[in-house]
Amino acid sequence: MDDIFVARLMSTSVRSVTPDTLVEDAAQEMLEHGIGSLVVLEDGELAGILTTTDFVEIVAESHPKAETTVARYMTTDVVTTTAQESIRDVADAMIEHGFHHMPVADEVEGVVGMITTSDLAAYLSHVQTPNASE
């Protein structure tokens, strides 16, 4: 697993919103695309991440949807990885921080993908275990 890198498993069709996007619109974006997170970009730079977990807090606090922006709930201290990072290191970081989504960033291009615990689990479910008799 040490020789498998994030680039092999990450999604490259990353959806984004801005901090002033209404949470209702963000939720609709996530539902329409069947995704569990959105990166929040401000002037093309990563400003935060909004995940399905954040919507639990949104619903619990029952703020009027039309008046609530993404900026209120997004995580701003975003931990990112690179496409060249080992998936073992990414998995360790996700466990350490309790994350399910981690943006993949490049110094030049910005956010280039997203790696999730589902991506890691899907990979592991397809890995063949060597037969003990071989």
C-alpha atoms as a PDB file:
ATOM      1  CA  MET A   1       0.000   0.000   0.000  1.00  0.00           C
ATOM      2  CA  ASP A   2       3.025   2.290   0.414  1.00  0.00           C
ATOM      3  CA  ASP A   3       3.510   2.467  -3.352  1.00  0.00           C
ATOM      4  CA  ILE A   4      -0.070   3.564  -4.079  1.00  0.00           C
ATOM      5  CA  PHE A   5      -0.406   7.307  -4.387  1.00  0.00           C
ATOM      6  CA  VAL A   6      -3.363   9.644  -3.959  1.00  0.00           C
ATOM      7  CA  ALA A   7      -3.446  10.447  -7.694  1.00  0.00           C
ATOM      8  CA  ARG A   8      -4.544   6.879  -8.422  1.00  0.00           C
ATOM      9  CA  LEU A   9      -7.634   7.040  -6.192  1.00  0.00           C
ATOM     10  CA  MET A  10      -8.683  10.683  -6.011  1.00  0.00           C
ATOM     11  CA  SER A  11     -11.677  12.163  -7.778  1.00  0.00           C
ATOM     12  CA  THR A  12     -10.753  14.951 -10.156  1.00  0.00           C
ATOM     13  CA  SER A  13     -14.239  16.291 -10.739  1.00  0.00           C
ATOM     14  CA  VAL A  14     -14.225  18.500  -7.661  1.00  0.00           C
ATOM     15  CA  ARG A  15     -17.243  20.732  -7.157  1.00  0.00           C
ATOM     16  CA  SER A  16     -16.786  24.109  -5.484  1.00  0.00           C
ATOM     17  CA  VAL A  17     -18.743  26.998  -4.017  1.00  0.00           C
ATOM     18  CA  THR A  18     -17.813  30.373  -2.578  1.00  0.00           C
ATOM     19  CA  PRO A  19     -18.125  31.424   1.073  1.00  0.00           C
ATOM     20  CA  ASP A  20     -21.219  33.507   0.258  1.00  0.00           C
ATOM     21  CA  THR A  21     -23.086  30.591  -1.368  1.00  0.00           C
ATOM     22  CA  LEU A  22     -26.307  29.844   0.485  1.00  0.00           C
ATOM     23  CA  VAL A  23     -26.264  26.491   2.288  1.00  0.00           C
ATOM     24  CA  GLU A  24     -29.467  25.549   0.472  1.00  0.00           C
ATOM     25  CA  ASP A  25     -27.687  25.984  -2.862  1.00  0.00           C
ATOM     26  CA  ALA A  26     -24.652  24.071  -1.596  1.00  0.00           C
ATOM     27  CA  ALA A  27     -26.881  21.211  -0.454  1.00  0.00           C
ATOM     28  CA  GLN A  28     -28.582  21.130  -3.849  1.00  0.00           C
ATOM     29  CA  GLU A  29     -25.180  20.991  -5.576  1.00  0.00           C
ATOM     30  CA  MET A  30     -24.160  18.032  -3.415  1.00  0.00           C
ATOM     31  CA  LEU A  31     -27.430  16.197  -4.043  1.00  0.00           C
ATOM     32  CA  GLU A  32     -27.387  16.810  -7.800  1.00  0.00           C
ATOM     33  CA  HIS A  33     -23.871  15.431  -8.126  1.00  0.00           C
ATOM     34  CA  GLY A  34     -24.127  12.690  -5.486  1.00  0.00           C
ATOM     35  CA  ILE A  35     -21.120  13.971  -3.543  1.00  0.00           C
ATOM     36  CA  GLY A  36     -20.333  14.345   0.145  1.00  0.00           C
ATOM     37  CA  SER A  37     -18.236  17.507   0.089  1.00  0.00           C
ATOM     38  CA  LEU A  38     -17.611  20.800  -1.651  1.00  0.00           C
ATOM     39  CA  VAL A  39     -14.433  22.819  -1.616  1.00  0.00           C
ATOM     40  CA  VAL A  40     -14.931  26.476  -0.809  1.00  0.00           C
ATOM     41  CA  LEU A  41     -12.901  28.771  -3.035  1.00  0.00           C
ATOM     42  CA  GLU A  42     -12.396  32.493  -2.581  1.00  0.00           C
ATOM     43  CA  ASP A  43     -10.622  34.273  -5.422  1.00  0.00           C
ATOM     44  CA  GLY A  44      -9.546  30.855  -6.718  1.00  0.00           C
ATOM     45  CA  GLU A  45      -7.854  29.934  -3.418  1.00  0.00           C
ATOM     46  CA  LEU A  46      -8.949  27.198  -1.026  1.00  0.00           C
ATOM     47  CA  ALA A  47     -10.848  28.883   1.786  1.00  0.00           C
ATOM     48  CA  GLY A  48     -12.583  25.878   3.318  1.00  0.00           C
ATOM     49  CA  ILE A  49     -14.522  22.655   2.889  1.00  0.00           C
ATOM     50  CA  LEU A  50     -18.194  21.897   3.481  1.00  0.00           C
ATOM     51  CA  THR A  51     -19.258  18.281   4.022  1.00  0.00           C
ATOM     52  CA  THR A  52     -22.427  16.347   4.664  1.00  0.00           C
ATOM     53  CA  THR A  53     -21.398  16.226   8.316  1.00  0.00           C
ATOM     54  CA  ASP A  54     -21.658  20.024   8.446  1.00  0.00           C
ATOM     55  CA  PHE A  55     -25.299  19.757   7.409  1.00  0.00           C
ATOM     56  CA  VAL A  56     -26.083  17.906  10.628  1.00  0.00           C
ATOM     57  CA  GLU A  57     -25.070  21.061  12.497  1.00  0.00           C
ATOM     58  CA  ILE A  58     -26.985  23.262  10.060  1.00  0.00           C
ATOM     59  CA  VAL A  59     -30.194  21.295  10.582  1.00  0.00           C
ATOM     60  CA  ALA A  60     -29.670  21.056  14.348  1.00  0.00           C
ATOM     61  CA  GLU A  61     -29.282  24.813  14.654  1.00  0.00           C
ATOM     62  CA  SER A  62     -32.311  25.398  12.366  1.00  0.00           C
ATOM     63  CA  HIS A  63     -31.182  28.689  10.864  1.00  0.00           C
ATOM     64  CA  PRO A  64     -33.354  29.945   8.021  1.00  0.00           C
ATOM     65  CA  LYS A  65     -31.841  28.493   4.877  1.00  0.00           C
ATOM     66  CA  ALA A  66     -32.246  31.649   2.808  1.00  0.00           C
ATOM     67  CA  GLU A  67     -30.138  33.664   5.260  1.00  0.00           C
ATOM     68  CA  THR A  68     -27.357  31.198   5.945  1.00  0.00           C
ATOM     69  CA  THR A  69     -24.175  31.142   3.898  1.00  0.00           C
ATOM     70  CA  VAL A  70     -21.536  28.465   3.564  1.00  0.00           C
ATOM     71  CA  ALA A  71     -19.039  30.716   5.374  1.00  0.00           C
ATOM     72  CA  ARG A  72     -20.897  30.111   8.642  1.00  0.00           C
ATOM     73  CA  TYR A  73     -20.364  26.325   8.609  1.00  0.00           C
ATOM     74  CA  MET A  74     -17.368  25.547   6.417  1.00  0.00           C
ATOM     75  CA  THR A  75     -14.171  24.229   7.936  1.00  0.00           C
ATOM     76  CA  THR A  76     -11.464  26.813   7.347  1.00  0.00           C
ATOM     77  CA  ASP A  77      -8.398  25.043   8.713  1.00  0.00           C
ATOM     78  CA  VAL A  78      -8.385  22.603   5.811  1.00  0.00           C
ATOM     79  CA  VAL A  79      -5.777  19.874   5.765  1.00  0.00           C
ATOM     80  CA  THR A  80      -4.817  18.993   2.198  1.00  0.00           C
ATOM     81  CA  THR A  81      -2.679  16.389   0.527  1.00  0.00           C
ATOM     82  CA  THR A  82      -0.864  16.134  -2.774  1.00  0.00           C
ATOM     83  CA  ALA A  83      -1.395  13.717  -5.642  1.00  0.00           C
ATOM     84  CA  GLN A  84       2.051  12.239  -4.916  1.00  0.00           C
ATOM     85  CA  GLU A  85       1.290  11.422  -1.254  1.00  0.00           C
ATOM     86  CA  SER A  86       1.083   7.787  -0.172  1.00  0.00           C
ATOM     87  CA  ILE A  87      -2.471   6.654   0.553  1.00  0.00           C
ATOM     88  CA  ARG A  88      -1.194   5.165   3.814  1.00  0.00           C
ATOM     89  CA  ASP A  89      -0.094   8.637   4.965  1.00  0.00           C
ATOM     90  CA  VAL A  90      -3.423  10.115   3.842  1.00  0.00           C
ATOM     91  CA  ALA A  91      -5.369   7.409   5.667  1.00  0.00           C
ATOM     92  CA  ASP A  92      -3.330   8.062   8.821  1.00  0.00           C
ATOM     93  CA  ALA A  93      -4.045  11.808   8.593  1.00  0.00           C
ATOM     94  CA  MET A  94      -7.761  11.200   8.029  1.00  0.00           C
ATOM     95  CA  ILE A  95      -7.940   8.970  11.095  1.00  0.00           C
ATOM     96  CA  GLU A  96      -5.900  11.404  13.192  1.00  0.00           C
ATOM     97  CA  HIS A  97      -8.163  14.349  12.320  1.00  0.00           C
ATOM     98  CA  GLY A  98     -11.459  12.462  11.996  1.00  0.00           C
ATOM     99  CA  PHE A  99     -11.867  13.484   8.329  1.00  0.00           C
ATOM    100  CA  HIS A 100     -13.781  11.693   5.596  1.00  0.00           C
ATOM    101  CA  HIS A 101     -12.795  14.073   2.772  1.00  0.00           C
ATOM    102  CA  MET A 102      -9.401  15.585   1.977  1.00  0.00           C
ATOM    103  CA  PRO A 103      -8.776  18.033  -0.866  1.00  0.00           C
ATOM    104  CA  VAL A 104      -5.831  17.238  -3.127  1.00  0.00           C
ATOM    105  CA  ALA A 105      -3.908  20.418  -3.894  1.00  0.00           C
ATOM    106  CA  ASP A 106      -1.102  21.459  -6.186  1.00  0.00           C
ATOM    107  CA  GLU A 107       1.000  24.575  -5.552  1.00  0.00           C
ATOM    108  CA  VAL A 108       0.451  25.792  -9.113  1.00  0.00           C
ATOM    109  CA  GLU A 109      -3.060  24.560 -10.001  1.00  0.00           C
ATOM    110  CA  GLY A 110      -4.715  24.795  -6.575  1.00  0.00           C
ATOM    111  CA  VAL A 111      -7.300  22.126  -5.784  1.00  0.00           C
ATOM    112  CA  VAL A 112      -6.985  19.300  -8.312  1.00  0.00           C
ATOM    113  CA  GLY A 113      -8.994  16.556  -6.655  1.00  0.00           C
ATOM    114  CA  MET A 114     -10.605  15.034  -3.588  1.00  0.00           C
ATOM    115  CA  ILE A 115      -9.775  11.804  -1.774  1.00  0.00           C
ATOM    116  CA  THR A 116     -12.348  10.273   0.563  1.00  0.00           C
ATOM    117  CA  THR A 117     -12.600   7.408   2.971  1.00  0.00           C
ATOM    118  CA  SER A 118     -14.940   5.822   0.413  1.00  0.00           C
ATOM    119  CA  ASP A 119     -12.152   5.965  -2.191  1.00  0.00           C
ATOM    120  CA  LEU A 120      -9.795   4.230   0.236  1.00  0.00           C
ATOM    121  CA  ALA A 121     -12.370   1.612   1.205  1.00  0.00           C
ATOM    122  CA  ALA A 122     -13.200   0.919  -2.454  1.00  0.00           C
ATOM    123  CA  TYR A 123      -9.523   0.414  -3.203  1.00  0.00           C
ATOM    124  CA  LEU A 124      -9.042  -1.923  -0.240  1.00  0.00           C
ATOM    125  CA  SER A 125     -12.127  -3.968  -1.162  1.00  0.00           C
ATOM    126  CA  HIS A 126     -10.592  -4.691  -4.578  1.00  0.00           C
ATOM    127  CA  VAL A 127      -7.068  -5.543  -3.409  1.00  0.00           C
ATOM    128  CA  GLN A 128      -6.380  -9.231  -3.852  1.00  0.00           C
ATOM    129  CA  THR A 129      -4.887 -10.966  -0.821  1.00  0.00           C
ATOM    130  CA  PRO A 130      -2.140 -13.378  -1.875  1.00  0.00           C
ATOM    131  CA  ASN A 131      -3.017 -17.035  -1.495  1.00  0.00           C
ATOM    132  CA  ALA A 132      -1.051 -18.590   1.401  1.00  0.00           C
ATOM    133  CA  SER A 133      -0.109 -21.582  -0.775  1.00  0.00           C
ATOM    134  CA  GLU A 134       1.598 -19.409  -3.404  1.00  0.00           C
END
